[in-house]
Amino acid sequence: MSPVTFLFLIINAVVFAAWLWLGQSPYMVENFLISADAVSAGRTWTLLTAAFSHMLFIHFFLNMYVLATFGSIVERTIGSARFFGFYLVAAIMSSLAHAAVSTFLMDKPDLPALGASGAISGIILLFSFLYREARILLLGFIPMPALVGAAAFVGIDLIGLAWQTGGGGLPIGHGAHLGGALTGTLYYLLVIRPLVVQHSRGPIDFGDVAAWRRRIEEQHLLEVRKRGR
C-alpha cells in the first residue's frame, strides 16, 4: 500500500478507536464533529479532524476500503507529496461544503457531520479523470466506465441534497460529497492536467502510471533548472 494512504488509514483507525473508547464524550463531540456552529464558535480545526472521524463500523469500513483501493492508485500516479496535500484540501473543502449547505440550504447550522466520504469523493473524481476507461462498480455492484460512474455518483448526491433541502432524504452528507467531488475535479483541471500536458511529447496514456510519473518528473526537473538559472 502507498505510504500516505496507509498513514491516513492509521489516523482514521485511531480516531475510530477513540470514539469506541470515549463514546460521545464532550471531547470527541467538540473536536471531531463538523458543523457551521462549530466553525462559528472558533473550532476551525474540526474542518479537518471531522474528515478522519467515524462512529459506526460500517461507515468506517466502507470508507477505508474505498480509500485503500482508489487512494493507493491515485497516490502512485501523482506522487505521495501531491496526494497528501490534495487529500487534506479535499477534506477541508468537503467540511466547508457541509457547513455551507446545512446553513444556507437546510437552515440547520447546528447539523453535525463526520467521516472521510467527502475527501474520498475527491479521490474518486480524480481517479476517474486519470483513468477514464477503467471499470468501477457503482454502489458496489453496477459496472461502468470510471468517468460515467463518477458522474452518476455526483448525480445521486445532487438528488439526495435536493430531497434534504425539502425536508426529507437520508442522513447522508451529500453536501460534503459534492464539495470533495468539486475539489477533485478542479485539482485535475488546474493542477494535474496542465502539469503533465505541458512540455509533453505526443499523446499521453492516462492509464500508464509509469508515463504519468515520468512526465511529472520531467516537469519537476525543468522547474528546478529554471530556478537554478
Protein backbone atom coordinates (compact mmCIF):
# COMPACT_ATOMS: atom_id res chain seq x y z
CA MET A 1 0.00 0.00 0.00
CA SER A 2 1.20 3.52 -0.76
CA PRO A 3 2.65 5.26 2.31
CA VAL A 4 0.38 8.31 2.58
CA THR A 5 -2.74 6.23 2.02
CA PHE A 6 -1.56 3.87 4.76
CA LEU A 7 -0.92 6.84 7.07
CA PHE A 8 -4.45 8.14 6.54
CA LEU A 9 -5.87 4.68 7.23
CA ILE A 10 -4.00 4.58 10.53
CA ILE A 11 -5.22 8.04 11.57
CA ASN A 12 -8.82 7.10 10.77
CA ALA A 13 -8.43 3.87 12.74
CA VAL A 14 -7.06 5.71 15.78
CA VAL A 15 -9.93 8.21 15.78
CA PHE A 16 -12.47 5.41 15.31
CA ALA A 17 -10.97 3.61 18.30
CA ALA A 18 -11.23 6.84 20.30
CA TRP A 19 -14.98 7.01 19.55
CA LEU A 20 -15.34 3.41 20.72
CA TRP A 21 -13.34 4.07 23.87
CA LEU A 22 -14.63 7.51 24.87
CA GLY A 23 -18.09 7.40 23.31
CA GLN A 24 -19.87 10.67 22.63
CA SER A 25 -17.91 12.49 25.30
CA PRO A 26 -17.61 16.31 25.20
CA TYR A 27 -14.01 15.97 23.96
CA MET A 28 -14.96 13.86 20.94
CA VAL A 29 -18.07 15.86 20.11
CA GLU A 30 -16.27 19.20 20.28
CA ASN A 31 -13.18 18.11 18.35
CA PHE A 32 -14.29 15.51 15.81
CA LEU A 33 -17.66 16.72 14.52
CA ILE A 34 -18.02 19.48 11.92
CA SER A 35 -20.90 21.95 11.78
CA ALA A 36 -21.31 25.59 10.87
CA ASP A 37 -21.89 26.36 14.54
CA ALA A 38 -18.61 24.64 15.47
CA VAL A 39 -16.71 26.81 12.99
CA SER A 40 -18.53 29.95 14.21
CA ALA A 41 -17.52 29.03 17.76
CA GLY A 42 -13.86 29.03 16.71
CA ARG A 43 -13.31 25.27 16.42
CA THR A 44 -11.97 25.58 12.90
CA TRP A 45 -9.75 22.52 13.30
CA THR A 46 -12.88 20.38 13.04
CA LEU A 47 -12.89 21.19 9.33
CA LEU A 48 -10.04 18.67 9.13
CA THR A 49 -10.43 16.41 12.15
CA ALA A 50 -14.03 15.51 11.31
CA ALA A 51 -12.82 14.10 8.00
CA PHE A 52 -10.82 11.45 9.90
CA SER A 53 -13.73 10.60 12.19
CA HIS A 54 -16.21 7.68 12.18
CA MET A 55 -18.60 6.42 14.86
CA LEU A 56 -20.08 3.37 13.14
CA PHE A 57 -18.04 0.38 12.00
CA ILE A 58 -19.83 0.02 8.65
CA HIS A 59 -19.16 3.70 7.87
CA PHE A 60 -15.52 3.31 8.85
CA PHE A 61 -15.05 0.04 6.94
CA LEU A 62 -16.61 1.20 3.67
CA ASN A 63 -14.71 4.48 3.62
CA MET A 64 -11.40 2.80 4.42
CA TYR A 65 -11.97 0.13 1.77
CA VAL A 66 -12.52 2.77 -0.90
CA LEU A 67 -9.60 4.85 0.39
CA ALA A 68 -7.24 1.86 0.28
CA THR A 69 -8.42 0.87 -3.20
CA PHE A 70 -8.56 4.20 -5.03
CA GLY A 71 -6.18 6.18 -2.83
CA SER A 72 -3.21 3.92 -3.45
CA ILE A 73 -3.65 4.15 -7.22
CA VAL A 74 -4.01 7.92 -7.23
CA GLU A 75 -1.06 8.33 -4.87
CA ARG A 76 1.21 6.21 -7.06
CA THR A 77 0.09 8.22 -10.08
CA ILE A 78 0.52 11.80 -8.86
CA GLY A 79 3.13 11.16 -6.17
CA SER A 80 2.87 10.94 -2.39
CA ALA A 81 3.57 14.62 -1.67
CA ARG A 82 0.89 15.86 -4.06
CA PHE A 83 -1.56 13.24 -2.83
CA PHE A 84 -1.00 14.28 0.78
CA GLY A 85 -1.76 17.92 0.02
CA PHE A 86 -4.70 17.08 -2.22
CA TYR A 87 -6.36 14.86 0.37
CA LEU A 88 -6.13 17.46 3.11
CA VAL A 89 -7.55 20.17 0.84
CA ALA A 90 -10.38 17.86 -0.26
CA ALA A 91 -11.15 17.05 3.38
CA ILE A 92 -11.34 20.72 4.37
CA MET A 93 -13.37 21.69 1.31
CA SER A 94 -15.86 18.89 1.94
CA SER A 95 -16.33 20.09 5.53
CA LEU A 96 -16.81 23.67 4.34
CA ALA A 97 -19.36 22.45 1.81
CA HIS A 98 -21.30 20.65 4.53
CA ALA A 99 -21.29 23.76 6.73
CA ALA A 100 -22.47 25.93 3.84
CA VAL A 101 -25.19 23.53 2.68
CA SER A 102 -26.55 22.91 6.17
CA THR A 103 -26.68 26.65 6.85
CA PHE A 104 -27.91 28.19 3.62
CA LEU A 105 -29.94 25.37 2.03
CA MET A 106 -31.22 23.45 5.05
CA ASP A 107 -31.29 26.20 7.69
CA LYS A 108 -29.57 23.86 10.16
CA PRO A 109 -26.21 25.41 11.08
CA ASP A 110 -26.04 23.12 14.11
CA LEU A 111 -26.24 19.95 11.98
CA PRO A 112 -23.10 17.88 12.74
CA ALA A 113 -21.26 15.61 10.32
CA LEU A 114 -18.23 13.37 10.29
CA GLY A 115 -16.48 10.93 8.00
CA ALA A 116 -13.92 10.66 5.22
CA SER A 117 -16.57 10.36 2.50
CA GLY A 118 -16.09 13.92 1.22
CA ALA A 119 -12.34 13.59 0.78
CA ILE A 120 -12.80 10.14 -0.75
CA SER A 121 -15.29 11.61 -3.22
CA GLY A 122 -12.45 13.87 -4.34
CA ILE A 123 -10.21 10.83 -4.81
CA ILE A 124 -12.86 9.04 -6.86
CA LEU A 125 -13.33 12.05 -9.16
CA LEU A 126 -9.59 12.47 -9.59
CA PHE A 127 -9.17 8.76 -10.30
CA SER A 128 -11.98 8.91 -12.84
CA PHE A 129 -10.31 11.71 -14.77
CA LEU A 130 -6.94 9.92 -14.68
CA TYR A 131 -8.32 6.52 -15.70
CA ARG A 132 -11.47 7.31 -17.65
CA GLU A 133 -11.91 3.90 -19.24
CA ALA A 134 -11.26 1.91 -16.07
CA ARG A 135 -14.23 -0.15 -14.92
CA ILE A 136 -15.61 0.64 -11.48
CA LEU A 137 -18.61 -0.71 -9.58
CA LEU A 138 -21.15 2.00 -8.80
CA LEU A 139 -22.72 1.31 -5.38
CA GLY A 140 -20.50 -1.77 -5.24
CA PHE A 141 -22.23 -3.85 -7.92
CA ILE A 142 -23.04 -1.83 -11.09
CA PRO A 143 -20.07 -1.97 -13.53
CA MET A 144 -19.41 1.08 -15.71
CA PRO A 145 -16.56 3.26 -17.02
CA ALA A 146 -14.96 5.31 -14.27
CA LEU A 147 -15.97 8.73 -15.60
CA VAL A 148 -19.57 7.62 -16.13
CA GLY A 149 -19.64 6.19 -12.62
CA ALA A 150 -18.27 9.41 -11.16
CA ALA A 151 -20.94 11.43 -12.97
CA ALA A 152 -23.63 9.08 -11.65
CA PHE A 153 -22.17 9.38 -8.16
CA VAL A 154 -22.41 13.17 -8.33
CA GLY A 155 -25.94 12.92 -9.73
CA ILE A 156 -27.05 10.74 -6.81
CA ASP A 157 -25.68 13.30 -4.36
CA LEU A 158 -27.42 16.16 -6.14
CA ILE A 159 -30.74 14.31 -5.96
CA GLY A 160 -30.15 13.41 -2.33
CA LEU A 161 -29.30 17.02 -1.48
CA ALA A 162 -32.48 18.21 -3.21
CA TRP A 163 -34.53 15.82 -1.05
CA GLN A 164 -32.78 17.01 2.09
CA THR A 165 -33.46 20.67 1.34
CA GLY A 166 -37.13 19.71 1.02
CA GLY A 167 -37.11 18.21 4.50
CA GLY A 168 -36.66 14.55 3.51
CA GLY A 169 -33.82 12.37 2.35
CA LEU A 170 -31.38 10.16 4.21
CA PRO A 171 -28.86 11.21 6.89
CA ILE A 172 -26.00 11.31 4.38
CA GLY A 173 -23.55 14.18 3.92
CA HIS A 174 -24.41 14.93 0.30
CA GLY A 175 -23.02 18.45 0.62
CA ALA A 176 -19.67 17.11 1.83
CA HIS A 177 -19.59 14.58 -1.01
CA LEU A 178 -20.21 17.29 -3.58
CA GLY A 179 -17.58 19.56 -2.04
CA GLY A 180 -14.99 16.80 -2.25
CA ALA A 181 -16.03 15.90 -5.80
CA LEU A 182 -15.67 19.52 -6.88
CA THR A 183 -12.21 19.63 -5.31
CA GLY A 184 -11.12 16.51 -7.20
CA THR A 185 -12.38 17.94 -10.48
CA LEU A 186 -10.69 21.30 -10.00
CA TYR A 187 -7.44 19.68 -8.87
CA TYR A 188 -7.30 17.62 -12.03
CA LEU A 189 -8.15 20.53 -14.34
CA LEU A 190 -5.98 23.17 -12.68
CA VAL A 191 -3.03 21.20 -11.31
CA ILE A 192 -2.53 17.71 -12.70
CA ARG A 193 -3.57 18.06 -16.31
CA PRO A 194 -1.52 21.22 -17.03
CA LEU A 195 1.44 19.70 -15.18
CA VAL A 196 1.51 16.63 -17.40
CA VAL A 197 0.43 18.14 -20.71
CA GLN A 198 2.94 20.99 -20.53
CA HIS A 199 6.25 20.04 -22.14
CA SER A 200 4.87 16.62 -23.09
CA ARG A 201 5.99 14.91 -26.27
CA GLY A 202 3.00 13.42 -28.04
CA PRO A 203 -0.21 11.95 -26.61
CA ILE A 204 -0.37 10.74 -23.03
CA ASP A 205 -1.78 7.41 -21.98
CA PHE A 206 -3.76 8.32 -18.86
CA GLY A 207 -3.77 4.69 -17.78
CA ASP A 208 0.02 4.35 -17.85
CA VAL A 209 1.28 5.05 -14.33
CA ALA A 210 4.92 4.97 -15.41
CA ALA A 211 4.28 7.54 -18.15
CA TRP A 212 2.49 9.85 -15.72
CA ARG A 213 5.31 9.68 -13.21
CA ARG A 214 7.92 10.20 -15.92
CA ARG A 215 6.15 13.30 -17.23
CA ILE A 216 5.75 14.70 -13.72
CA GLU A 217 9.45 14.10 -13.02
CA GLU A 218 10.39 15.79 -16.31
CA GLN A 219 8.31 18.83 -15.36
CA HIS A 220 9.90 18.92 -11.90
CA LEU A 221 13.41 18.82 -13.40
CA LEU A 222 12.53 21.67 -15.76
CA GLU A 223 11.31 23.75 -12.84
CA VAL A 224 14.48 23.02 -10.85
CA ARG A 225 16.66 24.02 -13.83
CA LYS A 226 14.74 27.27 -14.29
CA ARG A 227 15.24 28.15 -10.63
CA GLY A 228 18.90 27.26 -10.96
CA ARG A 229 19.33 29.88 -13.68
